[in-house]
């Protein structure tokens, strides 16, 4: 009878490989992971912050602009054309800008190099004025 039992155990295949230690380690790892929670979670500390906001009821008009067309003279200096067609030297242009109270904007042609704008703006910047940049649009072009 003992022989019959032994042969029956040998005949029955065991589907579980001997991985008991791996199962225990994996179980401990999973328990540890669930105990820790999400590894990327951060504690959120709320702060009350007052952000500055603009008063939307207050209507402001855009700053008046003065279009200046830079003109390079043969000696390398810059003069500036104003909207009425006159071409003024640097000192005259500064006086005109201060008298009008407008923000100067250098109008350069579409094909002009950036260096031309920088060179034309430099004398105004040295005089304490900050001039903007605008690209001239030809008639019939879309803006």
C-alpha atoms as a PDB file:
ATOM      1  CA  UNK A   1       0.000   0.000   0.000  1.00  0.00           C
ATOM      2  CA  UNK A   2       2.793   2.385   0.707  1.00  0.00           C
ATOM      3  CA  UNK A   3       4.195   1.795  -2.691  1.00  0.00           C
ATOM      4  CA  UNK A   4       0.878   2.635  -4.270  1.00  0.00           C
ATOM      5  CA  UNK A   5       0.709   6.048  -2.481  1.00  0.00           C
ATOM      6  CA  UNK A   6       4.233   6.947  -3.452  1.00  0.00           C
ATOM      7  CA  UNK A   7       3.632   6.160  -7.066  1.00  0.00           C
ATOM      8  CA  UNK A   8       0.456   8.206  -7.022  1.00  0.00           C
ATOM      9  CA  UNK A   9       2.373  11.317  -5.742  1.00  0.00           C
ATOM     10  CA  UNK A  10       5.024  10.891  -8.363  1.00  0.00           C
ATOM     11  CA  UNK A  11       2.445  10.512 -11.058  1.00  0.00           C
ATOM     12  CA  UNK A  12       0.708  13.796 -10.163  1.00  0.00           C
ATOM     13  CA  UNK A  13       2.508  16.752 -11.787  1.00  0.00           C
ATOM     14  CA  UNK A  14       3.245  19.801  -9.637  1.00  0.00           C
ATOM     15  CA  UNK A  15       2.321  22.991 -11.534  1.00  0.00           C
ATOM     16  CA  UNK A  16       3.969  25.302  -9.041  1.00  0.00           C
ATOM     17  CA  UNK A  17       7.715  25.753  -9.465  1.00  0.00           C
ATOM     18  CA  UNK A  18       9.754  26.195  -6.311  1.00  0.00           C
ATOM     19  CA  UNK A  19       9.477  29.971  -6.125  1.00  0.00           C
ATOM     20  CA  UNK A  20       8.236  30.360  -2.596  1.00  0.00           C
ATOM     21  CA  UNK A  21      11.030  32.760  -1.626  1.00  0.00           C
ATOM     22  CA  UNK A  22      10.410  34.948  -4.697  1.00  0.00           C
ATOM     23  CA  UNK A  23       6.685  35.044  -3.900  1.00  0.00           C
ATOM     24  CA  UNK A  24       7.392  36.111  -0.339  1.00  0.00           C
ATOM     25  CA  UNK A  25       9.787  38.848  -1.456  1.00  0.00           C
ATOM     26  CA  UNK A  26       7.324  40.106  -4.065  1.00  0.00           C
ATOM     27  CA  UNK A  27       4.530  40.131  -1.488  1.00  0.00           C
ATOM     28  CA  UNK A  28       6.675  42.097   0.958  1.00  0.00           C
ATOM     29  CA  UNK A  29       7.584  44.561  -1.784  1.00  0.00           C
ATOM     30  CA  UNK A  30       3.941  45.078  -2.721  1.00  0.00           C
ATOM     31  CA  UNK A  31       2.959  45.545   0.923  1.00  0.00           C
ATOM     32  CA  UNK A  32       5.735  48.090   1.343  1.00  0.00           C
ATOM     33  CA  UNK A  33       4.678  49.925  -1.848  1.00  0.00           C
ATOM     34  CA  UNK A  34       1.048  50.145  -0.763  1.00  0.00           C
ATOM     35  CA  UNK A  35       2.067  51.335   2.693  1.00  0.00           C
ATOM     36  CA  UNK A  36       4.219  54.106   1.218  1.00  0.00           C
ATOM     37  CA  UNK A  37       1.548  55.406  -1.138  1.00  0.00           C
ATOM     38  CA  UNK A  38       2.287  57.087  -4.443  1.00  0.00           C
ATOM     39  CA  UNK A  39       6.024  57.800  -4.731  1.00  0.00           C
ATOM     40  CA  UNK A  40       5.425  60.992  -6.716  1.00  0.00           C
ATOM     41  CA  UNK A  41       2.775  62.465  -4.400  1.00  0.00           C
ATOM     42  CA  UNK A  42       3.780  65.656  -2.619  1.00  0.00           C
ATOM     43  CA  UNK A  43       2.241  67.236   0.397  1.00  0.00           C
ATOM     44  CA  UNK A  44       0.268  70.285  -0.699  1.00  0.00           C
ATOM     45  CA  UNK A  45       0.575  73.306   1.564  1.00  0.00           C
ATOM     46  CA  UNK A  46      -1.958  75.974   0.628  1.00  0.00           C
ATOM     47  CA  UNK A  47      -0.842  79.593   0.765  1.00  0.00           C
ATOM     48  CA  UNK A  48      -3.059  82.604   0.435  1.00  0.00           C
ATOM     49  CA  UNK A  49      -1.511  84.863  -2.178  1.00  0.00           C
ATOM     50  CA  UNK A  50      -2.906  88.149  -3.399  1.00  0.00           C
ATOM     51  CA  UNK A  51      -2.128  88.575  -7.065  1.00  0.00           C
ATOM     52  CA  UNK A  52      -2.039  92.086  -8.467  1.00  0.00           C
ATOM     53  CA  UNK A  53      -4.770  92.630 -10.994  1.00  0.00           C
ATOM     54  CA  UNK A  54      -5.536  95.417 -13.387  1.00  0.00           C
ATOM     55  CA  UNK A  55      -8.587  97.506 -12.878  1.00  0.00           C
ATOM     56  CA  UNK A  56     -10.691  96.523 -15.882  1.00  0.00           C
ATOM     57  CA  UNK A  57     -13.037  99.473 -15.319  1.00  0.00           C
ATOM     58  CA  UNK A  58     -10.232 101.893 -16.060  1.00  0.00           C
ATOM     59  CA  UNK A  59      -9.967 102.612 -19.780  1.00  0.00           C
ATOM     60  CA  UNK A  60      -6.522 103.614 -20.992  1.00  0.00           C
ATOM     61  CA  UNK A  61      -5.773 104.997 -24.386  1.00  0.00           C
ATOM     62  CA  UNK A  62      -2.803 103.562 -26.237  1.00  0.00           C
ATOM     63  CA  UNK A  63       0.338 105.676 -26.129  1.00  0.00           C
ATOM     64  CA  UNK A  64       0.595 108.060 -29.086  1.00  0.00           C
ATOM     65  CA  UNK A  65       3.321 106.935 -31.470  1.00  0.00           C
ATOM     66  CA  UNK A  66       5.636 108.998 -33.620  1.00  0.00           C
ATOM     67  CA  UNK A  67       6.799 107.228 -36.776  1.00  0.00           C
ATOM     68  CA  UNK A  68      10.431 108.046 -37.561  1.00  0.00           C
ATOM     69  CA  UNK A  69      12.029 106.982 -40.806  1.00  0.00           C
ATOM     70  CA  UNK A  70      15.788 106.537 -40.329  1.00  0.00           C
ATOM     71  CA  UNK A  71      17.979 107.998 -43.082  1.00  0.00           C
ATOM     72  CA  UNK A  72      21.702 107.190 -43.229  1.00  0.00           C
ATOM     73  CA  UNK A  73      23.784 110.148 -44.322  1.00  0.00           C
ATOM     74  CA  UNK A  74      26.936 109.737 -46.473  1.00  0.00           C
ATOM     75  CA  UNK A  75      29.158 110.513 -43.478  1.00  0.00           C
ATOM     76  CA  UNK A  76      27.600 107.553 -41.543  1.00  0.00           C
ATOM     77  CA  UNK A  77      25.432 109.629 -39.199  1.00  0.00           C
ATOM     78  CA  UNK A  78      21.687 109.162 -38.896  1.00  0.00           C
ATOM     79  CA  UNK A  79      18.859 111.592 -39.488  1.00  0.00           C
ATOM     80  CA  UNK A  80      15.199 110.882 -39.018  1.00  0.00           C
ATOM     81  CA  UNK A  81      12.208 111.635 -41.224  1.00  0.00           C
ATOM     82  CA  UNK A  82       9.035 112.697 -39.418  1.00  0.00           C
ATOM     83  CA  UNK A  83       5.451 112.249 -40.686  1.00  0.00           C
ATOM     84  CA  UNK A  84       5.192 115.784 -42.181  1.00  0.00           C
ATOM     85  CA  UNK A  85       8.060 114.953 -44.568  1.00  0.00           C
ATOM     86  CA  UNK A  86      10.886 116.877 -42.922  1.00  0.00           C
ATOM     87  CA  UNK A  87      14.208 115.190 -42.187  1.00  0.00           C
ATOM     88  CA  UNK A  88      15.683 116.243 -38.861  1.00  0.00           C
ATOM     89  CA  UNK A  89      19.111 115.757 -37.316  1.00  0.00           C
ATOM     90  CA  UNK A  90      19.556 113.931 -34.032  1.00  0.00           C
ATOM     91  CA  UNK A  91      19.233 116.980 -31.739  1.00  0.00           C
ATOM     92  CA  UNK A  92      16.240 118.317 -33.656  1.00  0.00           C
ATOM     93  CA  UNK A  93      14.570 114.907 -33.555  1.00  0.00           C
ATOM     94  CA  UNK A  94      15.083 114.632 -29.791  1.00  0.00           C
ATOM     95  CA  UNK A  95      13.597 118.091 -29.311  1.00  0.00           C
ATOM     96  CA  UNK A  96      10.642 117.232 -31.549  1.00  0.00           C
ATOM     97  CA  UNK A  97       9.993 113.985 -29.629  1.00  0.00           C
ATOM     98  CA  UNK A  98      10.183 115.731 -26.242  1.00  0.00           C
ATOM     99  CA  UNK A  99       7.892 118.540 -27.433  1.00  0.00           C
ATOM    100  CA  UNK A 100       5.298 116.183 -28.925  1.00  0.00           C
ATOM    101  CA  UNK A 101       5.330 113.753 -25.962  1.00  0.00           C
ATOM    102  CA  UNK A 102       4.941 110.779 -28.297  1.00  0.00           C
ATOM    103  CA  UNK A 103       6.758 107.455 -28.235  1.00  0.00           C
ATOM    104  CA  UNK A 104       9.238 107.163 -31.123  1.00  0.00           C
ATOM    105  CA  UNK A 105       8.964 104.147 -33.420  1.00  0.00           C
ATOM    106  CA  UNK A 106      11.516 103.544 -36.157  1.00  0.00           C
ATOM    107  CA  UNK A 107       9.838 102.537 -39.414  1.00  0.00           C
ATOM    108  CA  UNK A 108      12.135 100.306 -41.445  1.00  0.00           C
ATOM    109  CA  UNK A 109      11.450  98.753 -44.815  1.00  0.00           C
ATOM    110  CA  UNK A 110      10.491  95.118 -45.076  1.00  0.00           C
ATOM    111  CA  UNK A 111      13.819  94.139 -46.632  1.00  0.00           C
ATOM    112  CA  UNK A 112      15.991  96.077 -44.172  1.00  0.00           C
ATOM    113  CA  UNK A 113      18.593  94.271 -42.091  1.00  0.00           C
ATOM    114  CA  UNK A 114      18.206  94.149 -38.333  1.00  0.00           C
ATOM    115  CA  UNK A 115      21.622  95.738 -38.021  1.00  0.00           C
ATOM    116  CA  UNK A 116      20.293  98.844 -39.811  1.00  0.00           C
ATOM    117  CA  UNK A 117      17.606  99.214 -37.143  1.00  0.00           C
ATOM    118  CA  UNK A 118      20.153  98.726 -34.358  1.00  0.00           C
ATOM    119  CA  UNK A 119      22.487 101.300 -35.905  1.00  0.00           C
ATOM    120  CA  UNK A 120      19.656 103.824 -36.359  1.00  0.00           C
ATOM    121  CA  UNK A 121      18.362 103.291 -32.828  1.00  0.00           C
ATOM    122  CA  UNK A 122      21.772 103.623 -31.140  1.00  0.00           C
ATOM    123  CA  UNK A 123      22.002 107.462 -31.262  1.00  0.00           C
ATOM    124  CA  UNK A 124      18.482 107.771 -29.838  1.00  0.00           C
ATOM    125  CA  UNK A 125      19.275 105.271 -27.075  1.00  0.00           C
ATOM    126  CA  UNK A 126      22.466 107.159 -26.173  1.00  0.00           C
ATOM    127  CA  UNK A 127      20.327 110.291 -25.856  1.00  0.00           C
ATOM    128  CA  UNK A 128      18.046 108.479 -23.366  1.00  0.00           C
ATOM    129  CA  UNK A 129      15.161 107.606 -25.701  1.00  0.00           C
ATOM    130  CA  UNK A 130      13.825 104.123 -26.307  1.00  0.00           C
ATOM    131  CA  UNK A 131      12.527 103.694 -29.818  1.00  0.00           C
ATOM    132  CA  UNK A 132      10.325 100.837 -30.931  1.00  0.00           C
ATOM    133  CA  UNK A 133      10.489  98.992 -34.234  1.00  0.00           C
ATOM    134  CA  UNK A 134       7.865  98.798 -36.940  1.00  0.00           C
ATOM    135  CA  UNK A 135       8.046  97.340 -40.421  1.00  0.00           C
ATOM    136  CA  UNK A 136       6.722  99.447 -43.240  1.00  0.00           C
ATOM    137  CA  UNK A 137       3.850  97.885 -45.171  1.00  0.00           C
ATOM    138  CA  UNK A 138       3.561  98.576 -48.870  1.00  0.00           C
ATOM    139  CA  UNK A 139       0.242  99.650 -50.329  1.00  0.00           C
ATOM    140  CA  UNK A 140      -2.039  96.716 -51.125  1.00  0.00           C
ATOM    141  CA  UNK A 141      -0.343  94.289 -48.706  1.00  0.00           C
ATOM    142  CA  UNK A 142      -2.180  92.499 -45.922  1.00  0.00           C
ATOM    143  CA  UNK A 143      -1.217  93.447 -42.404  1.00  0.00           C
END
